[in-house]
Amino acid sequence: MRFLRAFGRTPQERLAVRLLTSASTGLLPDWARTELGIRRPAPVRVCWDRPLATALGRTPEWGLGPSRIQAAARERPAGARQE
């Protein structure tokens, strides 16, 4: 974890990596964080890590526009099979 958090050549790169690392570790289950030795208080995970991870995960969708595959799946009636 220390290696990942220190990754980057510039301060901006290191900040971006730390944000991504924090966001991703906030999504891990309790047992996985314990195994990795990550100790982040629950309020930090709930109020910072998870919203950040959600925002970072949705950014590509915002930038690329809606997915044609998702739109087709939403239009297909429930239980309908394609042949």
PDB file of N, CA and C in Angstrom:
ATOM      1  N   MET A   1       0.822  -1.183   0.000  1.00  0.00           N
ATOM      2  CA  MET A   1       0.000   0.000   0.000  1.00  0.00           C
ATOM      3  C   MET A   1       0.869   1.251   0.000  1.00  0.00           C
ATOM      4  N   ARG A   2       1.958   1.215   0.753  1.00  0.00           N
ATOM      5  CA  ARG A   2       2.848   2.389   0.767  1.00  0.00           C
ATOM      6  C   ARG A   2       3.420   2.659  -0.614  1.00  0.00           C
ATOM      7  N   PHE A   3       3.755   1.593  -1.329  1.00  0.00           N
ATOM      8  CA  PHE A   3       4.280   1.754  -2.683  1.00  0.00           C
ATOM      9  C   PHE A   3       3.257   2.436  -3.579  1.00  0.00           C
ATOM     10  N   LEU A   4       2.013   1.973  -3.520  1.00  0.00           N
ATOM     11  CA  LEU A   4       0.974   2.552  -4.376  1.00  0.00           C
ATOM     12  C   LEU A   4       0.705   4.009  -4.024  1.00  0.00           C
ATOM     13  N   ARG A   5       0.660   4.324  -2.721  1.00  0.00           N
ATOM     14  CA  ARG A   5       0.351   5.691  -2.318  1.00  0.00           C
ATOM     15  C   ARG A   5       1.477   6.657  -2.646  1.00  0.00           C
ATOM     16  N   ALA A   6       2.714   6.162  -2.767  1.00  0.00           N
ATOM     17  CA  ALA A   6       3.848   7.029  -3.075  1.00  0.00           C
ATOM     18  C   ALA A   6       4.129   7.091  -4.575  1.00  0.00           C
ATOM     19  N   PHE A   7       3.341   6.407  -5.368  1.00  0.00           N
ATOM     20  CA  PHE A   7       3.561   6.350  -6.810  1.00  0.00           C
ATOM     21  C   PHE A   7       3.309   7.720  -7.440  1.00  0.00           C
ATOM     22  N   GLY A   8       4.112   8.090  -8.411  1.00  0.00           N
ATOM     23  CA  GLY A   8       3.947   9.345  -9.136  1.00  0.00           C
ATOM     24  C   GLY A   8       5.229  10.169  -9.098  1.00  0.00           C
ATOM     25  N   ARG A   9       5.471  10.885 -10.173  1.00  0.00           N
ATOM     26  CA  ARG A   9       6.688  11.682 -10.257  1.00  0.00           C
ATOM     27  C   ARG A   9       6.510  13.083  -9.707  1.00  0.00           C
ATOM     28  N   THR A  10       5.339  13.642  -9.893  1.00  0.00           N
ATOM     29  CA  THR A  10       5.094  15.019  -9.458  1.00  0.00           C
ATOM     30  C   THR A  10       4.123  15.025  -8.282  1.00  0.00           C
ATOM     31  N   PRO A  11       4.070  16.109  -7.536  1.00  0.00           N
ATOM     32  CA  PRO A  11       3.100  16.182  -6.434  1.00  0.00           C
ATOM     33  C   PRO A  11       1.655  16.003  -6.915  1.00  0.00           C
ATOM     34  N   GLN A  12       1.337  16.498  -8.097  1.00  0.00           N
ATOM     35  CA  GLN A  12      -0.016  16.351  -8.624  1.00  0.00           C
ATOM     36  C   GLN A  12      -0.336  14.882  -8.905  1.00  0.00           C
ATOM     37  N   GLU A  13       0.626  14.164  -9.475  1.00  0.00           N
ATOM     38  CA  GLU A  13       0.417  12.743  -9.742  1.00  0.00           C
ATOM     39  C   GLU A  13       0.258  11.973  -8.437  1.00  0.00           C
ATOM     40  N   ARG A  14       1.084  12.280  -7.447  1.00  0.00           N
ATOM     41  CA  ARG A  14       0.980  11.592  -6.163  1.00  0.00           C
ATOM     42  C   ARG A  14      -0.363  11.880  -5.497  1.00  0.00           C
ATOM     43  N   LEU A  15      -0.855  13.119  -5.613  1.00  0.00           N
ATOM     44  CA  LEU A  15      -2.153  13.453  -5.043  1.00  0.00           C
ATOM     45  C   LEU A  15      -3.263  12.652  -5.731  1.00  0.00           C
ATOM     46  N   ALA A  16      -3.211  12.576  -7.053  1.00  0.00           N
ATOM     47  CA  ALA A  16      -4.218  11.821  -7.799  1.00  0.00           C
ATOM     48  C   ALA A  16      -4.185  10.348  -7.406  1.00  0.00           C
ATOM     49  N   VAL A  17      -2.998   9.773  -7.274  1.00  0.00           N
ATOM     50  CA  VAL A  17      -2.876   8.369  -6.891  1.00  0.00           C
ATOM     51  C   VAL A  17      -3.405   8.160  -5.477  1.00  0.00           C
ATOM     52  N   ARG A  18      -3.114   9.076  -4.574  1.00  0.00           N
ATOM     53  CA  ARG A  18      -3.622   8.938  -3.201  1.00  0.00           C
ATOM     54  C   ARG A  18      -5.148   9.004  -3.165  1.00  0.00           C
ATOM     55  N   LEU A  19      -5.719   9.910  -3.949  1.00  0.00           N
ATOM     56  CA  LEU A  19      -7.178   9.994  -3.993  1.00  0.00           C
ATOM     57  C   LEU A  19      -7.786   8.704  -4.532  1.00  0.00           C
ATOM     58  N   LEU A  20      -7.217   8.188  -5.622  1.00  0.00           N
ATOM     59  CA  LEU A  20      -7.725   6.943  -6.203  1.00  0.00           C
ATOM     60  C   LEU A  20      -7.542   5.764  -5.252  1.00  0.00           C
ATOM     61  N   THR A  21      -6.398   5.711  -4.574  1.00  0.00           N
ATOM     62  CA  THR A  21      -6.137   4.627  -3.633  1.00  0.00           C
ATOM     63  C   THR A  21      -7.110   4.693  -2.465  1.00  0.00           C
ATOM     64  N   SER A  22      -7.323   5.882  -1.929  1.00  0.00           N
ATOM     65  CA  SER A  22      -8.266   6.040  -0.824  1.00  0.00           C
ATOM     66  C   SER A  22      -9.678   5.655  -1.256  1.00  0.00           C
ATOM     67  N   ALA A  23     -10.052   6.088  -2.438  1.00  0.00           N
ATOM     68  CA  ALA A  23     -11.388   5.767  -2.935  1.00  0.00           C
ATOM     69  C   ALA A  23     -11.555   4.267  -3.109  1.00  0.00           C
ATOM     70  N   SER A  24     -10.556   3.613  -3.662  1.00  0.00           N
ATOM     71  CA  SER A  24     -10.688   2.176  -3.908  1.00  0.00           C
ATOM     72  C   SER A  24     -10.629   1.368  -2.619  1.00  0.00           C
ATOM     73  N   THR A  25      -9.777   1.740  -1.688  1.00  0.00           N
ATOM     74  CA  THR A  25      -9.724   0.989  -0.431  1.00  0.00           C
ATOM     75  C   THR A  25     -10.970   1.215   0.408  1.00  0.00           C
ATOM     76  N   GLY A  26     -11.649   2.332   0.223  1.00  0.00           N
ATOM     77  CA  GLY A  26     -12.891   2.578   0.942  1.00  0.00           C
ATOM     78  C   GLY A  26     -14.001   1.649   0.508  1.00  0.00           C
ATOM     79  N   LEU A  27     -13.871   1.045  -0.656  1.00  0.00           N
ATOM     80  CA  LEU A  27     -14.881   0.111  -1.153  1.00  0.00           C
ATOM     81  C   LEU A  27     -14.630  -1.330  -0.716  1.00  0.00           C
ATOM     82  N   LEU A  28     -13.460  -1.590  -0.140  1.00  0.00           N
ATOM     83  CA  LEU A  28     -13.131  -2.952   0.295  1.00  0.00           C
ATOM     84  C   LEU A  28     -13.963  -3.349   1.505  1.00  0.00           C
ATOM     85  N   PRO A  29     -14.270  -4.638   1.642  1.00  0.00           N
ATOM     86  CA  PRO A  29     -14.960  -5.087   2.856  1.00  0.00           C
ATOM     87  C   PRO A  29     -14.022  -4.994   4.060  1.00  0.00           C
ATOM     88  N   ASP A  30     -14.605  -5.013   5.245  1.00  0.00           N
ATOM     89  CA  ASP A  30     -13.828  -4.856   6.479  1.00  0.00           C
ATOM     90  C   ASP A  30     -12.694  -5.874   6.592  1.00  0.00           C
ATOM     91  N   TRP A  31     -12.975  -7.137   6.261  1.00  0.00           N
ATOM     92  CA  TRP A  31     -11.952  -8.165   6.423  1.00  0.00           C
ATOM     93  C   TRP A  31     -10.752  -7.909   5.512  1.00  0.00           C
ATOM     94  N   ALA A  32     -10.985  -7.388   4.313  1.00  0.00           N
ATOM     95  CA  ALA A  32      -9.884  -7.126   3.375  1.00  0.00           C
ATOM     96  C   ALA A  32      -9.027  -5.967   3.869  1.00  0.00           C
ATOM     97  N   ARG A  33      -9.668  -4.924   4.388  1.00  0.00           N
ATOM     98  CA  ARG A  33      -8.894  -3.803   4.944  1.00  0.00           C
ATOM     99  C   ARG A  33      -8.064  -4.258   6.133  1.00  0.00           C
ATOM    100  N   THR A  34      -8.626  -5.144   6.953  1.00  0.00           N
ATOM    101  CA  THR A  34      -7.888  -5.664   8.099  1.00  0.00           C
ATOM    102  C   THR A  34      -6.668  -6.444   7.639  1.00  0.00           C
ATOM    103  N   GLU A  35      -6.849  -7.301   6.640  1.00  0.00           N
ATOM    104  CA  GLU A  35      -5.728  -8.095   6.109  1.00  0.00           C
ATOM    105  C   GLU A  35      -4.620  -7.203   5.540  1.00  0.00           C
ATOM    106  N   LEU A  36      -5.005  -6.097   4.914  1.00  0.00           N
ATOM    107  CA  LEU A  36      -4.024  -5.190   4.317  1.00  0.00           C
ATOM    108  C   LEU A  36      -3.466  -4.180   5.314  1.00  0.00           C
ATOM    109  N   GLY A  37      -4.000  -4.164   6.515  1.00  0.00           N
ATOM    110  CA  GLY A  37      -3.514  -3.228   7.529  1.00  0.00           C
ATOM    111  C   GLY A  37      -3.967  -1.800   7.285  1.00  0.00           C
ATOM    112  N   ILE A  38      -5.114  -1.631   6.635  1.00  0.00           N
ATOM    113  CA  ILE A  38      -5.643  -0.296   6.336  1.00  0.00           C
ATOM    114  C   ILE A  38      -6.622   0.080   7.439  1.00  0.00           C
ATOM    115  N   ARG A  39      -6.335   1.178   8.105  1.00  0.00           N
ATOM    116  CA  ARG A  39      -7.212   1.630   9.182  1.00  0.00           C
ATOM    117  C   ARG A  39      -7.759   3.005   8.827  1.00  0.00           C
ATOM    118  N   ARG A  40      -8.991   3.019   8.376  1.00  0.00           N
ATOM    119  CA  ARG A  40      -9.671   4.281   8.065  1.00  0.00           C
ATOM    120  C   ARG A  40     -10.984   4.284   8.826  1.00  0.00           C
ATOM    121  N   PRO A  41     -11.247   5.353   9.573  1.00  0.00           N
ATOM    122  CA  PRO A  41     -12.492   5.396  10.341  1.00  0.00           C
ATOM    123  C   PRO A  41     -13.716   5.304   9.429  1.00  0.00           C
ATOM    124  N   ALA A  42     -14.774   4.705   9.968  1.00  0.00           N
ATOM    125  CA  ALA A  42     -16.008   4.530   9.198  1.00  0.00           C
ATOM    126  C   ALA A  42     -16.546   5.851   8.657  1.00  0.00           C
ATOM    127  N   PRO A  43     -16.554   6.945   9.428  1.00  0.00           N
ATOM    128  CA  PRO A  43     -17.063   8.202   8.858  1.00  0.00           C
ATOM    129  C   PRO A  43     -16.256   8.680   7.644  1.00  0.00           C
ATOM    130  N   VAL A  44     -14.953   8.429   7.652  1.00  0.00           N
ATOM    131  CA  VAL A  44     -14.119   8.820   6.503  1.00  0.00           C
ATOM    132  C   VAL A  44     -14.482   7.972   5.292  1.00  0.00           C
ATOM    133  N   ARG A  45     -14.664   6.667   5.507  1.00  0.00           N
ATOM    134  CA  ARG A  45     -15.030   5.784   4.392  1.00  0.00           C
ATOM    135  C   ARG A  45     -16.390   6.157   3.820  1.00  0.00           C
ATOM    136  N   VAL A  46     -17.349   6.431   4.699  1.00  0.00           N
ATOM    137  CA  VAL A  46     -18.718   6.714   4.258  1.00  0.00           C
ATOM    138  C   VAL A  46     -18.845   8.106   3.651  1.00  0.00           C
ATOM    139  N   CYS A  47     -18.216   9.091   4.264  1.00  0.00           N
ATOM    140  CA  CYS A  47     -18.397  10.485   3.828  1.00  0.00           C
ATOM    141  C   CYS A  47     -17.374  10.952   2.802  1.00  0.00           C
ATOM    142  N   TRP A  48     -16.260  10.235   2.643  1.00  0.00           N
ATOM    143  CA  TRP A  48     -15.231  10.691   1.717  1.00  0.00           C
ATOM    144  C   TRP A  48     -14.898   9.625   0.675  1.00  0.00           C
ATOM    145  N   ASP A  49     -14.498   8.438   1.124  1.00  0.00           N
ATOM    146  CA  ASP A  49     -14.007   7.414   0.193  1.00  0.00           C
ATOM    147  C   ASP A  49     -15.078   6.943  -0.786  1.00  0.00           C
ATOM    148  N   ARG A  50     -16.247   6.584  -0.294  1.00  0.00           N
ATOM    149  CA  ARG A  50     -17.282   6.051  -1.187  1.00  0.00           C
ATOM    150  C   ARG A  50     -17.819   7.089  -2.161  1.00  0.00           C
ATOM    151  N   PRO A  51     -18.131   8.324  -1.714  1.00  0.00           N
ATOM    152  CA  PRO A  51     -18.567   9.316  -2.703  1.00  0.00           C
ATOM    153  C   PRO A  51     -17.492   9.624  -3.741  1.00  0.00           C
ATOM    154  N   LEU A  52     -16.238   9.649  -3.302  1.00  0.00           N
ATOM    155  CA  LEU A  52     -15.148   9.904  -4.243  1.00  0.00           C
ATOM    156  C   LEU A  52     -15.037   8.771  -5.256  1.00  0.00           C
ATOM    157  N   ALA A  53     -15.132   7.536  -4.790  1.00  0.00           N
ATOM    158  CA  ALA A  53     -15.056   6.399  -5.703  1.00  0.00           C
ATOM    159  C   ALA A  53     -16.216   6.411  -6.691  1.00  0.00           C
ATOM    160  N   THR A  54     -17.404   6.764  -6.207  1.00  0.00           N
ATOM    161  CA  THR A  54     -18.566   6.838  -7.087  1.00  0.00           C
ATOM    162  C   THR A  54     -18.371   7.911  -8.153  1.00  0.00           C
ATOM    163  N   ALA A  55     -17.906   9.078  -7.726  1.00  0.00           N
ATOM    164  CA  ALA A  55     -17.683  10.178  -8.676  1.00  0.00           C
ATOM    165  C   ALA A  55     -16.617   9.805  -9.701  1.00  0.00           C
ATOM    166  N   LEU A  56     -15.526   9.209  -9.246  1.00  0.00           N
ATOM    167  CA  LEU A  56     -14.460   8.826 -10.170  1.00  0.00           C
ATOM    168  C   LEU A  56     -14.920   7.730 -11.123  1.00  0.00           C
ATOM    169  N   GLY A  57     -15.768   6.837 -10.649  1.00  0.00           N
ATOM    170  CA  GLY A  57     -16.276   5.774 -11.513  1.00  0.00           C
ATOM    171  C   GLY A  57     -17.259   6.262 -12.552  1.00  0.00           C
ATOM    172  N   ARG A  58     -17.985   7.318 -12.235  1.00  0.00           N
ATOM    173  CA  ARG A  58     -18.979   7.838 -13.180  1.00  0.00           C
ATOM    174  C   ARG A  58     -18.405   8.880 -14.138  1.00  0.00           C
ATOM    175  N   THR A  59     -17.209   9.359 -13.876  1.00  0.00           N
ATOM    176  CA  THR A  59     -16.605  10.376 -14.732  1.00  0.00           C
ATOM    177  C   THR A  59     -16.444   9.901 -16.176  1.00  0.00           C
ATOM    178  N   PRO A  60     -15.946   8.691 -16.428  1.00  0.00           N
ATOM    179  CA  PRO A  60     -15.835   8.252 -17.831  1.00  0.00           C
ATOM    180  C   PRO A  60     -17.194   8.195 -18.538  1.00  0.00           C
ATOM    181  N   GLU A  61     -18.227   7.767 -17.827  1.00  0.00           N
ATOM    182  CA  GLU A  61     -19.556   7.723 -18.438  1.00  0.00           C
ATOM    183  C   GLU A  61     -20.016   9.127 -18.808  1.00  0.00           C
ATOM    184  N   TRP A  62     -19.752  10.080 -17.936  1.00  0.00           N
ATOM    185  CA  TRP A  62     -20.109  11.469 -18.216  1.00  0.00           C
ATOM    186  C   TRP A  62     -19.326  11.978 -19.427  1.00  0.00           C
ATOM    187  N   GLY A  63     -18.045  11.656 -19.480  1.00  0.00           N
ATOM    188  CA  GLY A  63     -17.203  12.131 -20.572  1.00  0.00           C
ATOM    189  C   GLY A  63     -17.504  11.476 -21.903  1.00  0.00           C
ATOM    190  N   LEU A  64     -17.870  10.213 -21.869  1.00  0.00           N
ATOM    191  CA  LEU A  64     -18.111   9.469 -23.109  1.00  0.00           C
ATOM    192  C   LEU A  64     -19.570   9.471 -23.546  1.00  0.00           C
ATOM    193  N   GLY A  65     -20.444   9.849 -22.653  1.00  0.00           N
ATOM    194  CA  GLY A  65     -21.864   9.823 -22.988  1.00  0.00           C
ATOM    195  C   GLY A  65     -22.474   8.496 -22.593  1.00  0.00           C
ATOM    196  N   PRO A  66     -23.772   8.382 -22.748  1.00  0.00           N
ATOM    197  CA  PRO A  66     -24.449   7.150 -22.342  1.00  0.00           C
ATOM    198  C   PRO A  66     -24.023   5.962 -23.200  1.00  0.00           C
ATOM    199  N   SER A  67     -24.053   4.808 -22.580  1.00  0.00           N
ATOM    200  CA  SER A  67     -23.668   3.575 -23.256  1.00  0.00           C
ATOM    201  C   SER A  67     -24.821   3.061 -24.110  1.00  0.00           C
ATOM    202  N   ARG A  68     -24.525   2.712 -25.347  1.00  0.00           N
ATOM    203  CA  ARG A  68     -25.554   2.127 -26.214  1.00  0.00           C
ATOM    204  C   ARG A  68     -25.977   0.766 -25.697  1.00  0.00           C
ATOM    205  N   ILE A  69     -25.064   0.044 -25.105  1.00  0.00           N
ATOM    206  CA  ILE A  69     -25.375  -1.282 -24.577  1.00  0.00           C
ATOM    207  C   ILE A  69     -26.344  -1.164 -23.401  1.00  0.00           C
ATOM    208  N   GLN A  70     -26.082  -0.224 -22.487  1.00  0.00           N
ATOM    209  CA  GLN A  70     -26.992  -0.030 -21.354  1.00  0.00           C
ATOM    210  C   GLN A  70     -28.366   0.431 -21.830  1.00  0.00           C
ATOM    211  N   ALA A  71     -28.396   1.317 -22.812  1.00  0.00           N
ATOM    212  CA  ALA A  71     -29.680   1.804 -23.332  1.00  0.00           C
ATOM    213  C   ALA A  71     -30.474   0.657 -23.948  1.00  0.00           C
ATOM    214  N   ALA A  72     -29.811  -0.219 -24.695  1.00  0.00           N
ATOM    215  CA  ALA A  72     -30.499  -1.358 -25.303  1.00  0.00           C
ATOM    216  C   ALA A  72     -31.022  -2.310 -24.230  1.00  0.00           C
ATOM    217  N   ALA A  73     -30.254  -2.501 -23.179  1.00  0.00           N
ATOM    218  CA  ALA A  73     -30.696  -3.385 -22.095  1.00  0.00           C
ATOM    219  C   ALA A  73     -31.902  -2.801 -21.373  1.00  0.00           C
ATOM    220  N   ARG A  74     -31.938  -1.499 -21.200  1.00  0.00           N
ATOM    221  CA  ARG A  74     -33.079  -0.868 -20.533  1.00  0.00           C
ATOM    222  C   ARG A  74     -34.341  -0.934 -21.394  1.00  0.00           C
ATOM    223  N   GLU A  75     -34.179  -0.881 -22.697  1.00  0.00           N
ATOM    224  CA  GLU A  75     -35.325  -0.918 -23.605  1.00  0.00           C
ATOM    225  C   GLU A  75     -35.903  -2.325 -23.753  1.00  0.00           C
ATOM    226  N   ARG A  76     -35.087  -3.343 -23.531  1.00  0.00           N
ATOM    227  CA  ARG A  76     -35.539  -4.722 -23.693  1.00  0.00           C
ATOM    228  C   ARG A  76     -36.498  -5.071 -22.558  1.00  0.00           C
ATOM    229  N   PRO A  77     -37.641  -5.626 -22.869  1.00  0.00           N
ATOM    230  CA  PRO A  77     -38.590  -6.006 -21.813  1.00  0.00           C
ATOM    231  C   PRO A  77     -37.996  -7.051 -20.889  1.00  0.00           C
ATOM    232  N   ALA A  78     -38.385  -7.015 -19.642  1.00  0.00           N
ATOM    233  CA  ALA A  78     -37.886  -7.989 -18.668  1.00  0.00           C
ATOM    234  C   ALA A  78     -38.284  -9.391 -19.099  1.00  0.00           C
ATOM    235  N   GLY A  79     -37.327 -10.286 -19.055  1.00  0.00           N
ATOM    236  CA  GLY A  79     -37.593 -11.682 -19.367  1.00  0.00           C
ATOM    237  C   GLY A  79     -37.583 -12.016 -20.842  1.00  0.00           C
ATOM    238  N   ALA A  80     -37.420 -11.030 -21.719  1.00  0.00           N
ATOM    239  CA  ALA A  80     -37.418 -11.295 -23.156  1.00  0.00           C
ATOM    240  C   ALA A  80     -36.072 -11.904 -23.556  1.00  0.00           C
ATOM    241  N   ARG A  81     -36.129 -12.877 -24.437  1.00  0.00           N
ATOM    242  CA  ARG A  81     -34.900 -13.515 -24.916  1.00  0.00           C
ATOM    243  C   ARG A  81     -34.637 -13.093 -26.336  1.00  0.00           C
ATOM    244  N   GLN A  82     -33.371 -12.849 -26.614  1.00  0.00           N
ATOM    245  CA  GLN A  82     -33.004 -12.515 -27.995  1.00  0.00           C
ATOM    246  C   GLN A  82     -32.648 -13.798 -28.721  1.00  0.00           C
ATOM    247  N   GLU A  83     -32.975 -13.849 -29.969  1.00  0.00           N
ATOM    248  CA  GLU A  83     -32.719 -15.061 -30.742  1.00  0.00           C
ATOM    249  C   GLU A  83     -31.643 -14.831 -31.752  1.00  0.00           C
TER     250      GLU A  83
END
